[in-house]
Amino acid sequence: MKIALIRREYITHIDGVNRFIALLAEGLAKLGHTPLIVSWCYKDIAHNELEWWFKEVHGLDSFIPIYTLKAKPCEGDPRLRIAWDWWIEGSRLLHKEDVDAAIVK
């Protein structure tokens, strides 16, 4: 199964939520699933380095594909903007990637 692990805010936060997502993604991959991580945005790192950064920070064995709704780094915590972007852009991305299941954290 292709399973999307969704982080509603920043994928570059160093916190328990991203640690949980990293370990879950790695476990799902070992079970034969195809995990991908979908986040609203990122900051303090280049977009093309997200997968490498995530692997190194969380000590993963393999790279997990990371998709973000925003193509450029974001700042702040604009709750209304985050909700709107997920409603409008999130479903399109999941449909485009042909995801079988989604886990929202």
PDB file of N, CA and C in Angstrom:
ATOM      1  N   MET A   1       0.828  -1.187   0.000  1.00  0.00           N
ATOM      2  CA  MET A   1       0.000   0.000   0.000  1.00  0.00           C
ATOM      3  C   MET A   1       0.873   1.251   0.000  1.00  0.00           C
ATOM      4  N   LYS A   2       0.405   2.267  -0.651  1.00  0.00           N
ATOM      5  CA  LYS A   2       1.070   3.560  -0.623  1.00  0.00           C
ATOM      6  C   LYS A   2       0.405   4.379   0.485  1.00  0.00           C
ATOM      7  N   ILE A   3       1.179   4.721   1.511  1.00  0.00           N
ATOM      8  CA  ILE A   3       0.629   5.362   2.701  1.00  0.00           C
ATOM      9  C   ILE A   3       1.282   6.727   2.904  1.00  0.00           C
ATOM     10  N   ALA A   4       0.451   7.758   2.976  1.00  0.00           N
ATOM     11  CA  ALA A   4       0.930   9.117   3.231  1.00  0.00           C
ATOM     12  C   ALA A   4       0.899   9.375   4.732  1.00  0.00           C
ATOM     13  N   LEU A   5       2.010   9.848   5.264  1.00  0.00           N
ATOM     14  CA  LEU A   5       2.098  10.274   6.658  1.00  0.00           C
ATOM     15  C   LEU A   5       2.099  11.799   6.631  1.00  0.00           C
ATOM     16  N   ILE A   6       1.076  12.387   7.194  1.00  0.00           N
ATOM     17  CA  ILE A   6       0.848  13.821   7.044  1.00  0.00           C
ATOM     18  C   ILE A   6       1.241  14.586   8.301  1.00  0.00           C
ATOM     19  N   ARG A   7       2.116  15.568   8.114  1.00  0.00           N
ATOM     20  CA  ARG A   7       2.470  16.525   9.157  1.00  0.00           C
ATOM     21  C   ARG A   7       1.809  17.834   8.750  1.00  0.00           C
ATOM     22  N   ARG A   8       0.839  18.300   9.518  1.00  0.00           N
ATOM     23  CA  ARG A   8       0.061  19.476   9.111  1.00  0.00           C
ATOM     24  C   ARG A   8       0.881  20.753   9.054  1.00  0.00           C
ATOM     25  N   GLU A   9       1.965  20.847   9.811  1.00  0.00           N
ATOM     26  CA  GLU A   9       2.749  22.079   9.848  1.00  0.00           C
ATOM     27  C   GLU A   9       4.097  21.898   9.163  1.00  0.00           C
ATOM     28  N   TYR A  10       5.188  22.173   9.891  1.00  0.00           N
ATOM     29  CA  TYR A  10       6.539  22.144   9.328  1.00  0.00           C
ATOM     30  C   TYR A  10       7.180  20.766   9.493  1.00  0.00           C
ATOM     31  N   ILE A  11       7.727  20.241   8.428  1.00  0.00           N
ATOM     32  CA  ILE A  11       8.418  18.958   8.489  1.00  0.00           C
ATOM     33  C   ILE A  11       9.811  19.115   9.106  1.00  0.00           C
ATOM     34  N   THR A  12      10.297  20.341   9.226  1.00  0.00           N
ATOM     35  CA  THR A  12      11.632  20.567   9.768  1.00  0.00           C
ATOM     36  C   THR A  12      11.640  20.880  11.260  1.00  0.00           C
ATOM     37  N   HIS A  13      10.505  20.788  11.936  1.00  0.00           N
ATOM     38  CA  HIS A  13      10.513  20.910  13.397  1.00  0.00           C
ATOM     39  C   HIS A  13      11.275  19.719  13.968  1.00  0.00           C
ATOM     40  N   ILE A  14      12.040  19.953  14.989  1.00  0.00           N
ATOM     41  CA  ILE A  14      12.702  18.851  15.696  1.00  0.00           C
ATOM     42  C   ILE A  14      11.828  18.587  16.915  1.00  0.00           C
ATOM     43  N   ASP A  15      10.921  17.646  16.777  1.00  0.00           N
ATOM     44  CA  ASP A  15      10.005  17.352  17.880  1.00  0.00           C
ATOM     45  C   ASP A  15       9.555  15.900  17.827  1.00  0.00           C
ATOM     46  N   GLY A  16       8.744  15.518  18.781  1.00  0.00           N
ATOM     47  CA  GLY A  16       8.274  14.147  18.865  1.00  0.00           C
ATOM     48  C   GLY A  16       7.369  13.746  17.723  1.00  0.00           C
ATOM     49  N   VAL A  17       6.635  14.677  17.166  1.00  0.00           N
ATOM     50  CA  VAL A  17       5.728  14.359  16.056  1.00  0.00           C
ATOM     51  C   VAL A  17       6.533  13.900  14.844  1.00  0.00           C
ATOM     52  N   ASN A  18       7.561  14.649  14.492  1.00  0.00           N
ATOM     53  CA  ASN A  18       8.377  14.248  13.344  1.00  0.00           C
ATOM     54  C   ASN A  18       9.153  12.975  13.634  1.00  0.00           C
ATOM     55  N   ARG A  19       9.573  12.785  14.863  1.00  0.00           N
ATOM     56  CA  ARG A  19      10.264  11.537  15.223  1.00  0.00           C
ATOM     57  C   ARG A  19       9.324  10.354  15.049  1.00  0.00           C
ATOM     58  N   PHE A  20       8.079  10.513  15.508  1.00  0.00           N
ATOM     59  CA  PHE A  20       7.064   9.471  15.350  1.00  0.00           C
ATOM     60  C   PHE A  20       6.834   9.165  13.868  1.00  0.00           C
ATOM     61  N   ILE A  21       6.689  10.210  13.060  1.00  0.00           N
ATOM     62  CA  ILE A  21       6.468  10.042  11.622  1.00  0.00           C
ATOM     63  C   ILE A  21       7.651   9.307  10.988  1.00  0.00           C
ATOM     64  N   ALA A  22       8.866   9.674  11.369  1.00  0.00           N
ATOM     65  CA  ALA A  22      10.058   9.035  10.806  1.00  0.00           C
ATOM     66  C   ALA A  22      10.095   7.543  11.133  1.00  0.00           C
ATOM     67  N   LEU A  23       9.865   7.199  12.392  1.00  0.00           N
ATOM     68  CA  LEU A  23       9.908   5.791  12.790  1.00  0.00           C
ATOM     69  C   LEU A  23       8.764   4.990  12.174  1.00  0.00           C
ATOM     70  N   LEU A  24       7.596   5.587  12.090  1.00  0.00           N
ATOM     71  CA  LEU A  24       6.460   4.912  11.468  1.00  0.00           C
ATOM     72  C   LEU A  24       6.725   4.679   9.981  1.00  0.00           C
ATOM     73  N   ALA A  25       7.250   5.681   9.300  1.00  0.00           N
ATOM     74  CA  ALA A  25       7.562   5.541   7.865  1.00  0.00           C
ATOM     75  C   ALA A  25       8.581   4.435   7.641  1.00  0.00           C
ATOM     76  N   GLU A  26       9.615   4.406   8.456  1.00  0.00           N
ATOM     77  CA  GLU A  26      10.631   3.367   8.310  1.00  0.00           C
ATOM     78  C   GLU A  26      10.049   1.982   8.586  1.00  0.00           C
ATOM     79  N   GLY A  27       9.203   1.874   9.599  1.00  0.00           N
ATOM     80  CA  GLY A  27       8.563   0.590   9.904  1.00  0.00           C
ATOM     81  C   GLY A  27       7.650   0.129   8.780  1.00  0.00           C
ATOM     82  N   LEU A  28       6.871   1.040   8.222  1.00  0.00           N
ATOM     83  CA  LEU A  28       5.980   0.693   7.111  1.00  0.00           C
ATOM     84  C   LEU A  28       6.776   0.242   5.890  1.00  0.00           C
ATOM     85  N   ALA A  29       7.902   0.910   5.636  1.00  0.00           N
ATOM     86  CA  ALA A  29       8.753   0.521   4.500  1.00  0.00           C
ATOM     87  C   ALA A  29       9.303  -0.889   4.702  1.00  0.00           C
ATOM     88  N   LYS A  30       9.697  -1.215   5.924  1.00  0.00           N
ATOM     89  CA  LYS A  30      10.226  -2.553   6.216  1.00  0.00           C
ATOM     90  C   LYS A  30       9.159  -3.628   6.077  1.00  0.00           C
ATOM     91  N   LEU A  31       7.899  -3.238   6.251  1.00  0.00           N
ATOM     92  CA  LEU A  31       6.789  -4.179   6.087  1.00  0.00           C
ATOM     93  C   LEU A  31       6.349  -4.316   4.626  1.00  0.00           C
ATOM     94  N   GLY A  32       7.005  -3.587   3.723  1.00  0.00           N
ATOM     95  CA  GLY A  32       6.705  -3.711   2.301  1.00  0.00           C
ATOM     96  C   GLY A  32       5.784  -2.641   1.745  1.00  0.00           C
ATOM     97  N   HIS A  33       5.405  -1.669   2.568  1.00  0.00           N
ATOM     98  CA  HIS A  33       4.554  -0.573   2.089  1.00  0.00           C
ATOM     99  C   HIS A  33       5.425   0.524   1.476  1.00  0.00           C
ATOM    100  N   THR A  34       4.779   1.448   0.814  1.00  0.00           N
ATOM    101  CA  THR A  34       5.468   2.593   0.229  1.00  0.00           C
ATOM    102  C   THR A  34       5.028   3.852   0.965  1.00  0.00           C
ATOM    103  N   PRO A  35       5.785   4.249   1.993  1.00  0.00           N
ATOM    104  CA  PRO A  35       5.394   5.458   2.724  1.00  0.00           C
ATOM    105  C   PRO A  35       5.903   6.712   2.030  1.00  0.00           C
ATOM    106  N   LEU A  36       5.179   7.795   2.201  1.00  0.00           N
ATOM    107  CA  LEU A  36       5.644   9.097   1.778  1.00  0.00           C
ATOM    108  C   LEU A  36       5.185  10.087   2.827  1.00  0.00           C
ATOM    109  N   ILE A  37       5.951  11.120   3.001  1.00  0.00           N
ATOM    110  CA  ILE A  37       5.645  12.131   4.009  1.00  0.00           C
ATOM    111  C   ILE A  37       5.148  13.368   3.294  1.00  0.00           C
ATOM    112  N   VAL A  38       4.044  13.907   3.785  1.00  0.00           N
ATOM    113  CA  VAL A  38       3.464  15.114   3.211  1.00  0.00           C
ATOM    114  C   VAL A  38       3.358  16.151   4.325  1.00  0.00           C
ATOM    115  N   SER A  39       3.897  17.328   4.076  1.00  0.00           N
ATOM    116  CA  SER A  39       3.895  18.391   5.075  1.00  0.00           C
ATOM    117  C   SER A  39       3.414  19.685   4.444  1.00  0.00           C
ATOM    118  N   TRP A  40       2.960  20.596   5.300  1.00  0.00           N
ATOM    119  CA  TRP A  40       2.512  21.892   4.795  1.00  0.00           C
ATOM    120  C   TRP A  40       3.696  22.690   4.264  1.00  0.00           C
ATOM    121  N   CYS A  41       4.777  22.755   5.054  1.00  0.00           N
ATOM    122  CA  CYS A  41       5.898  23.602   4.663  1.00  0.00           C
ATOM    123  C   CYS A  41       7.180  23.150   5.364  1.00  0.00           C
ATOM    124  N   TYR A  42       8.225  23.900   5.189  1.00  0.00           N
ATOM    125  CA  TYR A  42       9.529  23.635   5.780  1.00  0.00           C
ATOM    126  C   TYR A  42      10.221  24.968   6.005  1.00  0.00           C
ATOM    127  N   LYS A  43      11.299  24.967   6.797  1.00  0.00           N
ATOM    128  CA  LYS A  43      12.111  26.172   6.952  1.00  0.00           C
ATOM    129  C   LYS A  43      13.515  25.789   7.380  1.00  0.00           C
ATOM    130  N   ASP A  44      14.437  26.696   7.180  1.00  0.00           N
ATOM    131  CA  ASP A  44      15.835  26.568   7.584  1.00  0.00           C
ATOM    132  C   ASP A  44      16.614  25.493   6.833  1.00  0.00           C
ATOM    133  N   ILE A  45      16.121  25.031   5.714  1.00  0.00           N
ATOM    134  CA  ILE A  45      16.840  24.038   4.902  1.00  0.00           C
ATOM    135  C   ILE A  45      16.355  24.158   3.452  1.00  0.00           C
ATOM    136  N   ALA A  46      17.179  23.814   2.497  1.00  0.00           N
ATOM    137  CA  ALA A  46      16.776  23.866   1.085  1.00  0.00           C
ATOM    138  C   ALA A  46      15.792  22.736   0.776  1.00  0.00           C
ATOM    139  N   HIS A  47      14.847  23.005  -0.080  1.00  0.00           N
ATOM    140  CA  HIS A  47      13.805  22.023  -0.413  1.00  0.00           C
ATOM    141  C   HIS A  47      14.399  20.729  -0.966  1.00  0.00           C
ATOM    142  N   ASN A  48      15.420  20.850  -1.797  1.00  0.00           N
ATOM    143  CA  ASN A  48      16.007  19.645  -2.403  1.00  0.00           C
ATOM    144  C   ASN A  48      16.843  18.827  -1.417  1.00  0.00           C
ATOM    145  N   GLU A  49      17.049  19.317  -0.189  1.00  0.00           N
ATOM    146  CA  GLU A  49      17.796  18.595   0.833  1.00  0.00           C
ATOM    147  C   GLU A  49      16.900  18.006   1.925  1.00  0.00           C
ATOM    148  N   LEU A  50      15.596  18.145   1.799  1.00  0.00           N
ATOM    149  CA  LEU A  50      14.681  17.697   2.851  1.00  0.00           C
ATOM    150  C   LEU A  50      14.804  16.204   3.149  1.00  0.00           C
ATOM    151  N   GLU A  51      14.809  15.380   2.130  1.00  0.00           N
ATOM    152  CA  GLU A  51      14.863  13.930   2.350  1.00  0.00           C
ATOM    153  C   GLU A  51      16.173  13.522   3.021  1.00  0.00           C
ATOM    154  N   TRP A  52      17.281  14.101   2.567  1.00  0.00           N
ATOM    155  CA  TRP A  52      18.562  13.808   3.178  1.00  0.00           C
ATOM    156  C   TRP A  52      18.571  14.288   4.633  1.00  0.00           C
ATOM    157  N   TRP A  53      18.126  15.515   4.885  1.00  0.00           N
ATOM    158  CA  TRP A  53      18.091  16.083   6.229  1.00  0.00           C
ATOM    159  C   TRP A  53      17.241  15.220   7.157  1.00  0.00           C
ATOM    160  N   PHE A  54      16.061  14.843   6.708  1.00  0.00           N
ATOM    161  CA  PHE A  54      15.140  14.043   7.521  1.00  0.00           C
ATOM    162  C   PHE A  54      15.773  12.698   7.880  1.00  0.00           C
ATOM    163  N   LYS A  55      16.423  12.067   6.913  1.00  0.00           N
ATOM    164  CA  LYS A  55      17.086  10.781   7.149  1.00  0.00           C
ATOM    165  C   LYS A  55      18.192  10.924   8.181  1.00  0.00           C
ATOM    166  N   GLU A  56      19.025  11.941   8.035  1.00  0.00           N
ATOM    167  CA  GLU A  56      20.154  12.140   8.944  1.00  0.00           C
ATOM    168  C   GLU A  56      19.702  12.531  10.353  1.00  0.00           C
ATOM    169  N   VAL A  57      18.771  13.450  10.462  1.00  0.00           N
ATOM    170  CA  VAL A  57      18.316  13.925  11.772  1.00  0.00           C
ATOM    171  C   VAL A  57      17.657  12.805  12.568  1.00  0.00           C
ATOM    172  N   HIS A  58      16.904  11.962  11.898  1.00  0.00           N
ATOM    173  CA  HIS A  58      16.157  10.911  12.586  1.00  0.00           C
ATOM    174  C   HIS A  58      16.853   9.553  12.545  1.00  0.00           C
ATOM    175  N   GLY A  59      18.023   9.483  11.939  1.00  0.00           N
ATOM    176  CA  GLY A  59      18.801   8.252  11.927  1.00  0.00           C
ATOM    177  C   GLY A  59      18.137   7.097  11.190  1.00  0.00           C
ATOM    178  N   LEU A  60      17.498   7.398  10.075  1.00  0.00           N
ATOM    179  CA  LEU A  60      16.808   6.365   9.302  1.00  0.00           C
ATOM    180  C   LEU A  60      17.778   5.578   8.435  1.00  0.00           C
ATOM    181  N   ASP A  61      17.369   4.374   8.071  1.00  0.00           N
ATOM    182  CA  ASP A  61      18.190   3.535   7.197  1.00  0.00           C
ATOM    183  C   ASP A  61      18.044   3.903   5.731  1.00  0.00           C
ATOM    184  N   SER A  62      16.910   4.482   5.363  1.00  0.00           N
ATOM    185  CA  SER A  62      16.657   4.793   3.953  1.00  0.00           C
ATOM    186  C   SER A  62      15.972   6.152   3.828  1.00  0.00           C
ATOM    187  N   PHE A  63      15.933   6.632   2.602  1.00  0.00           N
ATOM    188  CA  PHE A  63      15.271   7.904   2.315  1.00  0.00           C
ATOM    189  C   PHE A  63      13.775   7.678   2.157  1.00  0.00           C
ATOM    190  N   ILE A  64      12.984   8.572   2.724  1.00  0.00           N
ATOM    191  CA  ILE A  64      11.531   8.554   2.575  1.00  0.00           C
ATOM    192  C   ILE A  64      11.164   9.783   1.735  1.00  0.00           C
ATOM    193  N   PRO A  65      10.390   9.624   0.667  1.00  0.00           N
ATOM    194  CA  PRO A  65       9.997  10.786  -0.137  1.00  0.00           C
ATOM    195  C   PRO A  65       9.216  11.798   0.702  1.00  0.00           C
ATOM    196  N   ILE A  66       9.558  13.071   0.546  1.00  0.00           N
ATOM    197  CA  ILE A  66       8.890  14.146   1.279  1.00  0.00           C
ATOM    198  C   ILE A  66       8.299  15.126   0.275  1.00  0.00           C
ATOM    199  N   TYR A  67       7.021  15.407   0.449  1.00  0.00           N
ATOM    200  CA  TYR A  67       6.311  16.379  -0.378  1.00  0.00           C
ATOM    201  C   TYR A  67       5.836  17.507   0.533  1.00  0.00           C
ATOM    202  N   THR A  68       5.873  18.735   0.041  1.00  0.00           N
ATOM    203  CA  THR A  68       5.344  19.866   0.792  1.00  0.00           C
ATOM    204  C   THR A  68       4.331  20.607  -0.065  1.00  0.00           C
ATOM    205  N   LEU A  69       3.324  21.159   0.587  1.00  0.00           N
ATOM    206  CA  LEU A  69       2.323  21.928  -0.154  1.00  0.00           C
ATOM    207  C   LEU A  69       2.905  23.255  -0.634  1.00  0.00           C
ATOM    208  N   LYS A  70       3.841  23.794   0.116  1.00  0.00           N
ATOM    209  CA  LYS A  70       4.475  25.063  -0.245  1.00  0.00           C
ATOM    210  C   LYS A  70       5.849  24.798  -0.836  1.00  0.00           C
ATOM    211  N   ALA A  71       6.149  25.426  -1.949  1.00  0.00           N
ATOM    212  CA  ALA A  71       7.418  25.206  -2.641  1.00  0.00           C
ATOM    213  C   ALA A  71       8.556  26.023  -2.036  1.00  0.00           C
ATOM    214  N   LYS A  72       8.229  27.077  -1.290  1.00  0.00           N
ATOM    215  CA  LYS A  72       9.239  27.938  -0.687  1.00  0.00           C
ATOM    216  C   LYS A  72       9.143  27.842   0.836  1.00  0.00           C
ATOM    217  N   PRO A  73      10.247  28.135   1.531  1.00  0.00           N
ATOM    218  CA  PRO A  73      10.216  28.101   2.994  1.00  0.00           C
ATOM    219  C   PRO A  73       9.177  29.068   3.557  1.00  0.00           C
ATOM    220  N   CYS A  74       8.610  28.701   4.707  1.00  0.00           N
ATOM    221  CA  CYS A  74       7.585  29.513   5.357  1.00  0.00           C
ATOM    222  C   CYS A  74       8.052  29.886   6.759  1.00  0.00           C
ATOM    223  N   GLU A  75       7.494  30.925   7.315  1.00  0.00           N
ATOM    224  CA  GLU A  75       7.793  31.351   8.679  1.00  0.00           C
ATOM    225  C   GLU A  75       6.480  31.564   9.416  1.00  0.00           C
ATOM    226  N   GLY A  76       6.541  31.464  10.721  1.00  0.00           N
ATOM    227  CA  GLY A  76       5.375  31.731  11.551  1.00  0.00           C
ATOM    228  C   GLY A  76       4.475  30.518  11.708  1.00  0.00           C
ATOM    229  N   ASP A  77       3.311  30.766  12.304  1.00  0.00           N
ATOM    230  CA  ASP A  77       2.355  29.699  12.575  1.00  0.00           C
ATOM    231  C   ASP A  77       0.947  30.173  12.180  1.00  0.00           C
ATOM    232  N   PRO A  78       0.732  30.420  10.889  1.00  0.00           N
ATOM    233  CA  PRO A  78      -0.558  30.951  10.420  1.00  0.00           C
ATOM    234  C   PRO A  78      -1.621  29.847  10.318  1.00  0.00           C
ATOM    235  N   ARG A  79      -2.326  29.582  11.396  1.00  0.00           N
ATOM    236  CA  ARG A  79      -3.276  28.464  11.451  1.00  0.00           C
ATOM    237  C   ARG A  79      -4.306  28.501  10.322  1.00  0.00           C
ATOM    238  N   LEU A  80      -4.863  29.669  10.048  1.00  0.00           N
ATOM    239  CA  LEU A  80      -5.879  29.764   8.996  1.00  0.00           C
ATOM    240  C   LEU A  80      -5.280  29.423   7.632  1.00  0.00           C
ATOM    241  N   ARG A  81      -4.076  29.908   7.351  1.00  0.00           N
ATOM    242  CA  ARG A  81      -3.415  29.623   6.074  1.00  0.00           C
ATOM    243  C   ARG A  81      -3.117  28.128   5.935  1.00  0.00           C
ATOM    244  N   ILE A  82      -2.662  27.512   7.020  1.00  0.00           N
ATOM    245  CA  ILE A  82      -2.370  26.084   7.011  1.00  0.00           C
ATOM    246  C   ILE A  82      -3.632  25.291   6.704  1.00  0.00           C
ATOM    247  N   ALA A  83      -4.729  25.606   7.398  1.00  0.00           N
ATOM    248  CA  ALA A  83      -5.996  24.897   7.187  1.00  0.00           C
ATOM    249  C   ALA A  83      -6.490  25.071   5.750  1.00  0.00           C
ATOM    250  N   TRP A  84      -6.421  26.273   5.244  1.00  0.00           N
ATOM    251  CA  TRP A  84      -6.885  26.549   3.882  1.00  0.00           C
ATOM    252  C   TRP A  84      -6.052  25.785   2.852  1.00  0.00           C
ATOM    253  N   ASP A  85      -4.745  25.820   3.006  1.00  0.00           N
ATOM    254  CA  ASP A  85      -3.868  25.127   2.054  1.00  0.00           C
ATOM    255  C   ASP A  85      -4.121  23.618   2.059  1.00  0.00           C
ATOM    256  N   TRP A  86      -4.319  23.030   3.249  1.00  0.00           N
ATOM    257  CA  TRP A  86      -4.606  21.595   3.296  1.00  0.00           C
ATOM    258  C   TRP A  86      -5.926  21.284   2.623  1.00  0.00           C
ATOM    259  N   TRP A  87      -6.906  22.127   2.835  1.00  0.00           N
ATOM    260  CA  TRP A  87      -8.223  21.880   2.248  1.00  0.00           C
ATOM    261  C   TRP A  87      -8.169  21.971   0.725  1.00  0.00           C
ATOM    262  N   ILE A  88      -7.474  22.980   0.216  1.00  0.00           N
ATOM    263  CA  ILE A  88      -7.420  23.203  -1.228  1.00  0.00           C
ATOM    264  C   ILE A  88      -6.357  22.337  -1.917  1.00  0.00           C
ATOM    265  N   GLU A  89      -5.132  22.352  -1.419  1.00  0.00           N
ATOM    266  CA  GLU A  89      -4.016  21.710  -2.106  1.00  0.00           C
ATOM    267  C   GLU A  89      -3.722  20.290  -1.631  1.00  0.00           C
ATOM    268  N   GLY A  90      -4.007  20.006  -0.379  1.00  0.00           N
ATOM    269  CA  GLY A  90      -3.650  18.707   0.188  1.00  0.00           C
ATOM    270  C   GLY A  90      -4.339  17.541  -0.496  1.00  0.00           C
ATOM    271  N   SER A  91      -5.630  17.662  -0.708  1.00  0.00           N
ATOM    272  CA  SER A  91      -6.362  16.557  -1.338  1.00  0.00           C
ATOM    273  C   SER A  91      -5.902  16.337  -2.778  1.00  0.00           C
ATOM    274  N   ARG A  92      -5.574  17.413  -3.471  1.00  0.00           N
ATOM    275  CA  ARG A  92      -5.069  17.280  -4.845  1.00  0.00           C
ATOM    276  C   ARG A  92      -3.759  16.503  -4.885  1.00  0.00           C
ATOM    277  N   LEU A  93      -2.862  16.835  -3.947  1.00  0.00           N
ATOM    278  CA  LEU A  93      -1.561  16.158  -3.910  1.00  0.00           C
ATOM    279  C   LEU A  93      -1.729  14.677  -3.597  1.00  0.00           C
ATOM    280  N   LEU A  94      -2.576  14.343  -2.632  1.00  0.00           N
ATOM    281  CA  LEU A  94      -2.793  12.945  -2.282  1.00  0.00           C
ATOM    282  C   LEU A  94      -3.417  12.181  -3.449  1.00  0.00           C
ATOM    283  N   HIS A  95      -4.332  12.811  -4.144  1.00  0.00           N
ATOM    284  CA  HIS A  95      -4.954  12.176  -5.307  1.00  0.00           C
ATOM    285  C   HIS A  95      -3.923  11.992  -6.428  1.00  0.00           C
ATOM    286  N   LYS A  96      -3.107  13.010  -6.666  1.00  0.00           N
ATOM    287  CA  LYS A  96      -2.085  12.944  -7.720  1.00  0.00           C
ATOM    288  C   LYS A  96      -1.080  11.828  -7.439  1.00  0.00           C
ATOM    289  N   GLU A  97      -0.724  11.645  -6.180  1.00  0.00           N
ATOM    290  CA  GLU A  97       0.258  10.615  -5.805  1.00  0.00           C
ATOM    291  C   GLU A  97      -0.385   9.226  -5.657  1.00  0.00           C
ATOM    292  N   ASP A  98      -1.691   9.138  -5.865  1.00  0.00           N
ATOM    293  CA  ASP A  98      -2.426   7.873  -5.822  1.00  0.00           C
ATOM    294  C   ASP A  98      -2.213   7.121  -4.491  1.00  0.00           C
ATOM    295  N   VAL A  99      -2.455   7.864  -3.410  1.00  0.00           N
ATOM    296  CA  VAL A  99      -2.271   7.317  -2.061  1.00  0.00           C
ATOM    297  C   VAL A  99      -3.434   6.409  -1.686  1.00  0.00           C
ATOM    298  N   ASP A 100      -3.125   5.258  -1.091  1.00  0.00           N
ATOM    299  CA  ASP A 100      -4.159   4.319  -0.655  1.00  0.00           C
ATOM    300  C   ASP A 100      -4.703   4.658   0.734  1.00  0.00           C
ATOM    301  N   ALA A 101      -3.847   5.189   1.596  1.00  0.00           N
ATOM    302  CA  ALA A 101      -4.252   5.530   2.963  1.00  0.00           C
ATOM    303  C   ALA A 101      -3.437   6.732   3.433  1.00  0.00           C
ATOM    304  N   ALA A 102      -3.991   7.450   4.404  1.00  0.00           N
ATOM    305  CA  ALA A 102      -3.296   8.609   4.959  1.00  0.00           C
ATOM    306  C   ALA A 102      -3.406   8.560   6.483  1.00  0.00           C
ATOM    307  N   ILE A 103      -2.299   8.860   7.128  1.00  0.00           N
ATOM    308  CA  ILE A 103      -2.265   8.956   8.581  1.00  0.00           C
ATOM    309  C   ILE A 103      -1.900  10.396   8.900  1.00  0.00           C
ATOM    310  N   VAL A 104      -2.790  11.078   9.602  1.00  0.00           N
ATOM    311  CA  VAL A 104      -2.577  12.495   9.928  1.00  0.00           C
ATOM    312  C   VAL A 104      -2.103  12.583  11.362  1.00  0.00           C
ATOM    313  N   LYS A 105      -0.990  13.234  11.534  1.00  0.00           N
ATOM    314  CA  LYS A 105      -0.455  13.432  12.883  1.00  0.00           C
ATOM    315  C   LYS A 105      -0.294  14.888  13.146  1.00  0.00           C
TER     316      LYS A 105
END
